[in-house]
PDB file of N, CA and C in Angstrom:
ATOM      1  N   MET A   1     101.727  78.672  89.322  1.00  0.00           N
ATOM      2  CA  MET A   1     102.907  77.458  89.247  1.00  0.00           C
ATOM      3  C   MET A   1     103.191  76.684  91.008  1.00  0.00           C
ATOM      4  N   ILE A   2     103.348  75.655  90.584  1.00  0.00           N
ATOM      5  CA  ILE A   2     103.953  74.916  91.398  1.00  0.00           C
ATOM      6  C   ILE A   2     105.360  75.075  92.164  1.00  0.00           C
ATOM      7  N   ASP A   3     105.997  75.540  92.901  1.00  0.00           N
ATOM      8  CA  ASP A   3     106.942  75.299  93.574  1.00  0.00           C
ATOM      9  C   ASP A   3     107.440  73.809  93.781  1.00  0.00           C
ATOM     10  N   LEU A   4     107.727  73.322  93.685  1.00  0.00           N
ATOM     11  CA  LEU A   4     108.297  71.317  93.616  1.00  0.00           C
ATOM     12  C   LEU A   4     109.102  71.656  95.081  1.00  0.00           C
ATOM     13  N   LYS A   5     110.039  72.735  94.594  1.00  0.00           N
ATOM     14  CA  LYS A   5     110.675  72.716  95.769  1.00  0.00           C
ATOM     15  C   LYS A   5     110.676  73.459  97.583  1.00  0.00           C
ATOM     16  N   THR A   6     108.871  74.120  98.045  1.00  0.00           N
ATOM     17  CA  THR A   6     108.219  74.010  98.920  1.00  0.00           C
ATOM     18  C   THR A   6     108.328  72.969  99.217  1.00  0.00           C
ATOM     19  N   THR A   7     107.580  72.485 101.002  1.00  0.00           N
ATOM     20  CA  THR A   7     106.432  71.776 101.595  1.00  0.00           C
ATOM     21  C   THR A   7     105.424  72.716 101.558  1.00  0.00           C
ATOM     22  N   THR A   8     104.478  72.097 101.388  1.00  0.00           N
ATOM     23  CA  THR A   8     103.328  73.019 102.198  1.00  0.00           C
ATOM     24  C   THR A   8     102.498  72.394 103.392  1.00  0.00           C
ATOM     25  N   LYS A   9     101.554  74.305 103.796  1.00  0.00           N
ATOM     26  CA  LYS A   9     101.320  72.361 106.034  1.00  0.00           C
ATOM     27  C   LYS A   9     101.281  71.243 105.535  1.00  0.00           C
ATOM     28  N   THR A  10     100.417  70.446 104.425  1.00  0.00           N
ATOM     29  CA  THR A  10      99.781  69.178 105.264  1.00  0.00           C
ATOM     30  C   THR A  10     101.014  69.276 104.055  1.00  0.00           C
ATOM     31  N   GLN A  11     101.380  69.128 103.982  1.00  0.00           N
ATOM     32  CA  GLN A  11     102.557  67.471 104.275  1.00  0.00           C
ATOM     33  C   GLN A  11     103.289  68.127 105.051  1.00  0.00           C
ATOM     34  N   LYS A  12     103.498  68.965 105.631  1.00  0.00           N
ATOM     35  CA  LYS A  12     104.238  68.789 106.717  1.00  0.00           C
ATOM     36  C   LYS A  12     103.299  68.512 108.571  1.00  0.00           C
ATOM     37  N   ASP A  13     102.536  68.467 108.239  1.00  0.00           N
ATOM     38  CA  ASP A  13     101.831  68.219 108.668  1.00  0.00           C
ATOM     39  C   ASP A  13     101.114  66.663 108.415  1.00  0.00           C
ATOM     40  N   MET A  14     101.366  66.435 107.419  1.00  0.00           N
ATOM     41  CA  MET A  14     101.332  64.254 107.128  1.00  0.00           C
ATOM     42  C   MET A  14     103.078  63.370 107.947  1.00  0.00           C
ATOM     43  N   LEU A  15     103.941  64.480 107.342  1.00  0.00           N
ATOM     44  CA  LEU A  15     105.028  64.045 108.334  1.00  0.00           C
ATOM     45  C   LEU A  15     105.209  63.732 109.335  1.00  0.00           C
ATOM     46  N   LYS A  16     104.549  64.750 110.163  1.00  0.00           N
ATOM     47  CA  LYS A  16     104.156  64.961 112.122  1.00  0.00           C
ATOM     48  C   LYS A  16     103.257  63.388 112.165  1.00  0.00           C
ATOM     49  N   LEU A  17     102.600  63.148 111.518  1.00  0.00           N
ATOM     50  CA  LEU A  17     101.611  61.569 111.326  1.00  0.00           C
ATOM     51  C   LEU A  17     102.570  60.665 111.895  1.00  0.00           C
ATOM     52  N   ILE A  18     102.699  60.981 110.520  1.00  0.00           N
ATOM     53  CA  ILE A  18     104.410  59.966 110.324  1.00  0.00           C
ATOM     54  C   ILE A  18     105.058  59.541 111.448  1.00  0.00           C
ATOM     55  N   ASP A  19     106.050  60.397 111.689  1.00  0.00           N
ATOM     56  CA  ASP A  19     106.520  61.127 112.759  1.00  0.00           C
ATOM     57  C   ASP A  19     105.550  60.481 113.945  1.00  0.00           C
ATOM     58  N   ASN A  20     104.811  60.054 114.149  1.00  0.00           N
ATOM     59  CA  ASN A  20     103.834  60.280 115.968  1.00  0.00           C
ATOM     60  C   ASN A  20     103.630  58.464 115.366  1.00  0.00           C
ATOM     61  N   ARG A  21     102.932  58.413 114.437  1.00  0.00           N
ATOM     62  CA  ARG A  21     102.866  56.604 114.499  1.00  0.00           C
ATOM     63  C   ARG A  21     103.406  55.499 113.931  1.00  0.00           C
ATOM     64  N   ASP A  22     105.521  56.699 113.616  1.00  0.00           N
ATOM     65  CA  ASP A  22     106.540  55.400 114.428  1.00  0.00           C
ATOM     66  C   ASP A  22     106.720  55.068 116.108  1.00  0.00           C
ATOM     67  N   TRP A  23     106.121  56.780 116.871  1.00  0.00           N
ATOM     68  CA  TRP A  23     106.682  56.731 117.393  1.00  0.00           C
ATOM     69  C   TRP A  23     105.888  55.707 118.135  1.00  0.00           C
ATOM     70  N   LEU A  24     104.025  55.871 118.124  1.00  0.00           N
ATOM     71  CA  LEU A  24     103.593  54.541 118.413  1.00  0.00           C
ATOM     72  C   LEU A  24     103.900  53.658 118.789  1.00  0.00           C
ATOM     73  N   GLU A  25     104.518  53.077 117.739  1.00  0.00           N
ATOM     74  CA  GLU A  25     104.774  51.873 117.969  1.00  0.00           C
ATOM     75  C   GLU A  25     105.347  51.593 117.715  1.00  0.00           C
ATOM     76  N   GLU A  26     107.124  52.423 118.342  1.00  0.00           N
ATOM     77  CA  GLU A  26     108.359  51.926 118.794  1.00  0.00           C
ATOM     78  C   GLU A  26     108.274  51.421 120.556  1.00  0.00           C
ATOM     79  N   ASN A  27     106.878  52.922 120.908  1.00  0.00           N
ATOM     80  CA  ASN A  27     106.667  52.566 122.863  1.00  0.00           C
ATOM     81  C   ASN A  27     105.045  51.993 122.818  1.00  0.00           C
ATOM     82  N   LEU A  28     105.051  51.245 121.842  1.00  0.00           N
ATOM     83  CA  LEU A  28     103.347  50.975 121.589  1.00  0.00           C
ATOM     84  C   LEU A  28     102.924  48.909 122.767  1.00  0.00           C
ATOM     85  N   LYS A  29     104.327  48.546 123.512  1.00  0.00           N
ATOM     86  CA  LYS A  29     103.980  47.882 124.553  1.00  0.00           C
ATOM     87  C   LYS A  29     103.713  49.187 126.056  1.00  0.00           C
ATOM     88  N   GLU A  30     104.185  49.415 126.194  1.00  0.00           N
ATOM     89  CA  GLU A  30     104.094  50.257 127.873  1.00  0.00           C
ATOM     90  C   GLU A  30     103.547  51.793 127.116  1.00  0.00           C
ATOM     91  N   ILE A  31     102.445  51.322 126.731  1.00  0.00           N
ATOM     92  CA  ILE A  31     101.207  52.410 125.628  1.00  0.00           C
ATOM     93  C   ILE A  31      99.568  51.416 126.160  1.00  0.00           C
ATOM     94  N   GLN A  32      99.935  50.378 125.813  1.00  0.00           N
ATOM     95  CA  GLN A  32      99.377  49.540 125.808  1.00  0.00           C
ATOM     96  C   GLN A  32      99.054  49.198 127.730  1.00  0.00           C
ATOM     97  N   ASP A  33     100.190  48.933 128.132  1.00  0.00           N
ATOM     98  CA  ASP A  33      99.788  48.706 129.337  1.00  0.00           C
ATOM     99  C   ASP A  33      99.272  49.290 130.021  1.00  0.00           C
ATOM    100  N   LYS A  34      99.898  50.882 129.735  1.00  0.00           N
ATOM    101  CA  LYS A  34      98.675  51.545 131.116  1.00  0.00           C
ATOM    102  C   LYS A  34      97.335  52.126 130.863  1.00  0.00           C
ATOM    103  N   TYR A  35      97.302  52.019 128.823  1.00  0.00           N
ATOM    104  CA  TYR A  35      96.290  52.459 128.519  1.00  0.00           C
ATOM    105  C   TYR A  35      95.238  51.427 127.746  1.00  0.00           C
ATOM    106  N   GLU A  36      95.414  50.071 127.929  1.00  0.00           N
ATOM    107  CA  GLU A  36      94.479  49.183 127.606  1.00  0.00           C
ATOM    108  C   GLU A  36      92.620  49.554 126.835  1.00  0.00           C
ATOM    109  N   GLU A  37      92.274  49.514 126.133  1.00  0.00           N
ATOM    110  CA  GLU A  37      91.185  49.619 126.170  1.00  0.00           C
ATOM    111  C   GLU A  37      90.149  51.435 126.485  1.00  0.00           C
ATOM    112  N   LYS A  38      91.312  52.373 126.551  1.00  0.00           N
ATOM    113  CA  LYS A  38      91.369  53.345 126.231  1.00  0.00           C
ATOM    114  C   LYS A  38      91.952  54.436 124.985  1.00  0.00           C
ATOM    115  N   TRP A  39      90.950  55.312 124.868  1.00  0.00           N
ATOM    116  CA  TRP A  39      91.141  56.347 123.750  1.00  0.00           C
ATOM    117  C   TRP A  39      92.524  57.043 123.681  1.00  0.00           C
ATOM    118  N   VAL A  40      93.759  56.897 122.873  1.00  0.00           N
ATOM    119  CA  VAL A  40      94.912  58.435 123.507  1.00  0.00           C
ATOM    120  C   VAL A  40      94.970  58.844 121.908  1.00  0.00           C
ATOM    121  N   ALA A  41      95.214  60.019 122.073  1.00  0.00           N
ATOM    122  CA  ALA A  41      95.992  60.719 121.481  1.00  0.00           C
ATOM    123  C   ALA A  41      97.262  61.678 121.615  1.00  0.00           C
ATOM    124  N   ILE A  42      97.898  61.679 120.070  1.00  0.00           N
ATOM    125  CA  ILE A  42      99.905  61.080 119.782  1.00  0.00           C
ATOM    126  C   ILE A  42     100.180  62.084 119.383  1.00  0.00           C
ATOM    127  N   ALA A  43     101.032  63.609 119.835  1.00  0.00           N
ATOM    128  CA  ALA A  43     101.589  64.208 119.122  1.00  0.00           C
ATOM    129  C   ALA A  43     103.360  64.782 119.287  1.00  0.00           C
ATOM    130  N   GLU A  44     103.490  65.022 118.356  1.00  0.00           N
ATOM    131  CA  GLU A  44     104.849  65.751 118.802  1.00  0.00           C
ATOM    132  C   GLU A  44     106.276  64.420 119.021  1.00  0.00           C
ATOM    133  N   LYS A  45     105.176  63.368 119.022  1.00  0.00           N
ATOM    134  CA  LYS A  45     106.127  61.756 119.945  1.00  0.00           C
ATOM    135  C   LYS A  45     105.473  62.031 119.910  1.00  0.00           C
ATOM    136  N   LYS A  46     105.222  61.848 120.600  1.00  0.00           N
ATOM    137  CA  LYS A  46     104.276  61.491 123.283  1.00  0.00           C
ATOM    138  C   LYS A  46     102.645  61.654 123.446  1.00  0.00           C
ATOM    139  N   LEU A  47     102.252  61.137 124.125  1.00  0.00           N
ATOM    140  CA  LEU A  47     101.277  61.187 124.506  1.00  0.00           C
ATOM    141  C   LEU A  47     100.528  62.538 126.031  1.00  0.00           C
ATOM    142  N   VAL A  48      99.723  62.368 124.709  1.00  0.00           N
ATOM    143  CA  VAL A  48      99.275  64.031 124.486  1.00  0.00           C
ATOM    144  C   VAL A  48      97.593  64.073 125.502  1.00  0.00           C
ATOM    145  N   GLY A  49      97.067  62.509 125.671  1.00  0.00           N
ATOM    146  CA  GLY A  49      95.887  62.656 125.812  1.00  0.00           C
ATOM    147  C   GLY A  49      95.242  61.652 125.908  1.00  0.00           C
ATOM    148  N   SER A  50      94.279  61.168 127.298  1.00  0.00           N
ATOM    149  CA  SER A  50      94.449  59.962 127.422  1.00  0.00           C
ATOM    150  C   SER A  50      92.433  60.139 127.664  1.00  0.00           C
ATOM    151  N   GLY A  51      91.530  58.952 127.347  1.00  0.00           N
ATOM    152  CA  GLY A  51      89.874  58.552 127.711  1.00  0.00           C
ATOM    153  C   GLY A  51      89.418  57.564 127.575  1.00  0.00           C
ATOM    154  N   SER A  52      88.094  58.086 128.025  1.00  0.00           N
ATOM    155  CA  SER A  52      87.358  57.142 128.101  1.00  0.00           C
ATOM    156  C   SER A  52      86.494  57.064 126.083  1.00  0.00           C
ATOM    157  N   SER A  53      86.873  58.180 125.625  1.00  0.00           N
ATOM    158  CA  SER A  53      86.463  58.451 124.194  1.00  0.00           C
ATOM    159  C   SER A  53      86.910  58.688 123.349  1.00  0.00           C
ATOM    160  N   PRO A  54      86.911  59.496 122.266  1.00  0.00           N
ATOM    161  CA  PRO A  54      87.676  60.337 121.462  1.00  0.00           C
ATOM    162  C   PRO A  54      87.509  61.246 121.935  1.00  0.00           C
ATOM    163  N   ASP A  55      86.821  61.986 122.468  1.00  0.00           N
ATOM    164  CA  ASP A  55      86.781  63.726 122.536  1.00  0.00           C
ATOM    165  C   ASP A  55      87.413  63.126 123.838  1.00  0.00           C
ATOM    166  N   GLU A  56      87.252  62.835 125.305  1.00  0.00           N
ATOM    167  CA  GLU A  56      86.998  63.004 126.033  1.00  0.00           C
ATOM    168  C   GLU A  56      90.066  62.788 126.844  1.00  0.00           C
ATOM    169  N   ALA A  57      90.070  62.464 124.984  1.00  0.00           N
ATOM    170  CA  ALA A  57      91.586  62.327 124.779  1.00  0.00           C
ATOM    171  C   ALA A  57      91.707  63.351 124.658  1.00  0.00           C
ATOM    172  N   LYS A  58      91.110  63.739 123.449  1.00  0.00           N
ATOM    173  CA  LYS A  58      91.745  64.913 122.526  1.00  0.00           C
ATOM    174  C   LYS A  58      90.444  65.556 122.951  1.00  0.00           C
ATOM    175  N   LYS A  59      90.447  65.910 124.324  1.00  0.00           N
ATOM    176  CA  LYS A  59      89.642  67.434 125.362  1.00  0.00           C
ATOM    177  C   LYS A  59      90.675  68.429 125.259  1.00  0.00           C
ATOM    178  N   ASN A  60      92.331  68.008 125.891  1.00  0.00           N
ATOM    179  CA  ASN A  60      93.061  69.035 126.528  1.00  0.00           C
ATOM    180  C   ASN A  60      93.913  69.107 125.261  1.00  0.00           C
ATOM    181  N   VAL A  61      93.698  69.000 124.099  1.00  0.00           N
ATOM    182  CA  VAL A  61      94.975  69.384 123.506  1.00  0.00           C
ATOM    183  C   VAL A  61      94.095  70.056 122.127  1.00  0.00           C
ATOM    184  N   GLU A  62      92.443  70.367 121.887  1.00  0.00           N
ATOM    185  CA  GLU A  62      92.094  70.915 120.585  1.00  0.00           C
ATOM    186  C   GLU A  62      92.596  71.232 120.693  1.00  0.00           C
ATOM    187  N   GLY A  63      93.236  72.242 118.986  1.00  0.00           N
ATOM    188  CA  GLY A  63      93.674  73.831 118.906  1.00  0.00           C
ATOM    189  C   GLY A  63      95.195  73.981 119.341  1.00  0.00           C
ATOM    190  N   SER A  64      95.459  73.138 119.597  1.00  0.00           N
ATOM    191  CA  SER A  64      97.108  73.297 119.928  1.00  0.00           C
ATOM    192  C   SER A  64      98.479  72.285 118.540  1.00  0.00           C
ATOM    193  N   PHE A  65      97.362  71.283 118.546  1.00  0.00           N
ATOM    194  CA  PHE A  65      97.560  70.450 117.251  1.00  0.00           C
ATOM    195  C   PHE A  65      97.164  70.894 116.219  1.00  0.00           C
ATOM    196  N   SER A  66      97.386  70.224 114.820  1.00  0.00           N
ATOM    197  CA  SER A  66      96.948  69.929 113.871  1.00  0.00           C
ATOM    198  C   SER A  66      95.938  68.540 113.923  1.00  0.00           C
ATOM    199  N   SER A  67      94.519  68.985 113.041  1.00  0.00           N
ATOM    200  CA  SER A  67      93.907  67.897 113.485  1.00  0.00           C
ATOM    201  C   SER A  67      94.726  66.491 112.207  1.00  0.00           C
ATOM    202  N   MET A  68      95.900  66.653 111.318  1.00  0.00           N
ATOM    203  CA  MET A  68      95.806  65.779 110.306  1.00  0.00           C
ATOM    204  C   MET A  68      97.291  65.067 110.884  1.00  0.00           C
ATOM    205  N   GLU A  69      98.348  66.187 111.921  1.00  0.00           N
ATOM    206  CA  GLU A  69      99.011  65.556 112.604  1.00  0.00           C
ATOM    207  C   GLU A  69      98.844  64.916 114.378  1.00  0.00           C
ATOM    208  N   LEU A  70      97.459  65.081 114.437  1.00  0.00           N
ATOM    209  CA  LEU A  70      97.686  64.436 115.985  1.00  0.00           C
ATOM    210  C   LEU A  70      96.845  62.986 115.466  1.00  0.00           C
ATOM    211  N   LEU A  71      97.670  61.830 116.163  1.00  0.00           N
ATOM    212  CA  LEU A  71      96.780  60.431 115.970  1.00  0.00           C
ATOM    213  C   LEU A  71      96.093  60.629 117.707  1.00  0.00           C
ATOM    214  N   LEU A  72      94.560  59.977 116.453  1.00  0.00           N
ATOM    215  CA  LEU A  72      94.128  59.697 117.610  1.00  0.00           C
ATOM    216  C   LEU A  72      92.954  58.059 117.645  1.00  0.00           C
ATOM    217  N   LEU A  73      93.695  57.523 118.465  1.00  0.00           N
ATOM    218  CA  LEU A  73      93.543  55.460 118.441  1.00  0.00           C
ATOM    219  C   LEU A  73      92.861  55.253 119.782  1.00  0.00           C
ATOM    220  N   ARG A  74      92.273  53.621 119.193  1.00  0.00           N
ATOM    221  CA  ARG A  74      91.789  53.048 120.967  1.00  0.00           C
ATOM    222  C   ARG A  74      92.908  52.106 120.992  1.00  0.00           C
ATOM    223  N   VAL A  75      93.315  52.212 122.343  1.00  0.00           N
ATOM    224  CA  VAL A  75      94.408  50.958 122.295  1.00  0.00           C
ATOM    225  C   VAL A  75      93.808  50.275 122.328  1.00  0.00           C
ATOM    226  N   PRO A  76      93.759  48.679 121.831  1.00  0.00           N
ATOM    227  CA  PRO A  76      93.386  47.315 122.631  1.00  0.00           C
ATOM    228  C   PRO A  76      93.404  46.313 123.028  1.00  0.00           C
ATOM    229  N   LYS A  77      93.087  45.117 123.329  1.00  0.00           N
ATOM    230  CA  LYS A  77      93.194  44.458 124.715  1.00  0.00           C
ATOM    231  C   LYS A  77      94.039  43.173 123.861  1.00  0.00           C
ATOM    232  N   GLY A  78      95.130  42.783 124.581  1.00  0.00           N
ATOM    233  CA  GLY A  78      95.814  41.440 123.672  1.00  0.00           C
ATOM    234  C   GLY A  78      96.753  42.126 123.167  1.00  0.00           C
ATOM    235  N   GLU A  79      96.931  40.952 122.613  1.00  0.00           N
ATOM    236  CA  GLU A  79      97.970  40.691 121.898  1.00  0.00           C
ATOM    237  C   GLU A  79      98.469  41.919 120.390  1.00  0.00           C
ATOM    238  N   ILE A  80      99.371  42.609 119.813  1.00  0.00           N
ATOM    239  CA  ILE A  80      98.875  43.195 118.240  1.00  0.00           C
ATOM    240  C   ILE A  80     100.152  42.980 117.424  1.00  0.00           C
ATOM    241  N   SER A  81      99.241  42.258 116.512  1.00  0.00           N
ATOM    242  CA  SER A  81     100.710  41.753 115.377  1.00  0.00           C
ATOM    243  C   SER A  81     100.920  43.410 115.156  1.00  0.00           C
ATOM    244  N   GLN A  82     102.335  42.899 114.743  1.00  0.00           N
ATOM    245  CA  GLN A  82     102.797  43.872 114.343  1.00  0.00           C
ATOM    246  C   GLN A  82     103.444  42.957 112.819  1.00  0.00           C
ATOM    247  N   PRO A  83     103.930  44.640 111.696  1.00  0.00           N
ATOM    248  CA  PRO A  83     103.632  44.481 111.263  1.00  0.00           C
ATOM    249  C   PRO A  83     104.732  43.719 110.261  1.00  0.00           C
ATOM    250  N   ALA A  84     105.086  43.035 109.344  1.00  0.00           N
ATOM    251  CA  ALA A  84     105.595  41.923 108.721  1.00  0.00           C
ATOM    252  C   ALA A  84     107.672  43.173 107.604  1.00  0.00           C
TER     253      ALA A  84
END
């Protein structure tokens, strides 16, 4: 039987990922100014790694965070459109 009152690990990790995405949106300008055209890893609402490749950006944080909660992205150059 499924217990609907219990939050699974996957659900918790997805909520962390959403929090990290929200943090990125709030801090996007500062991150872009410093890390333009670099790869960054974000976890626990902070930038935890960066580099010229995805592997380099997450090199020092592997095993520290679930792969489902770690936000990994390449910071684009130029203006970024914001959601409406």
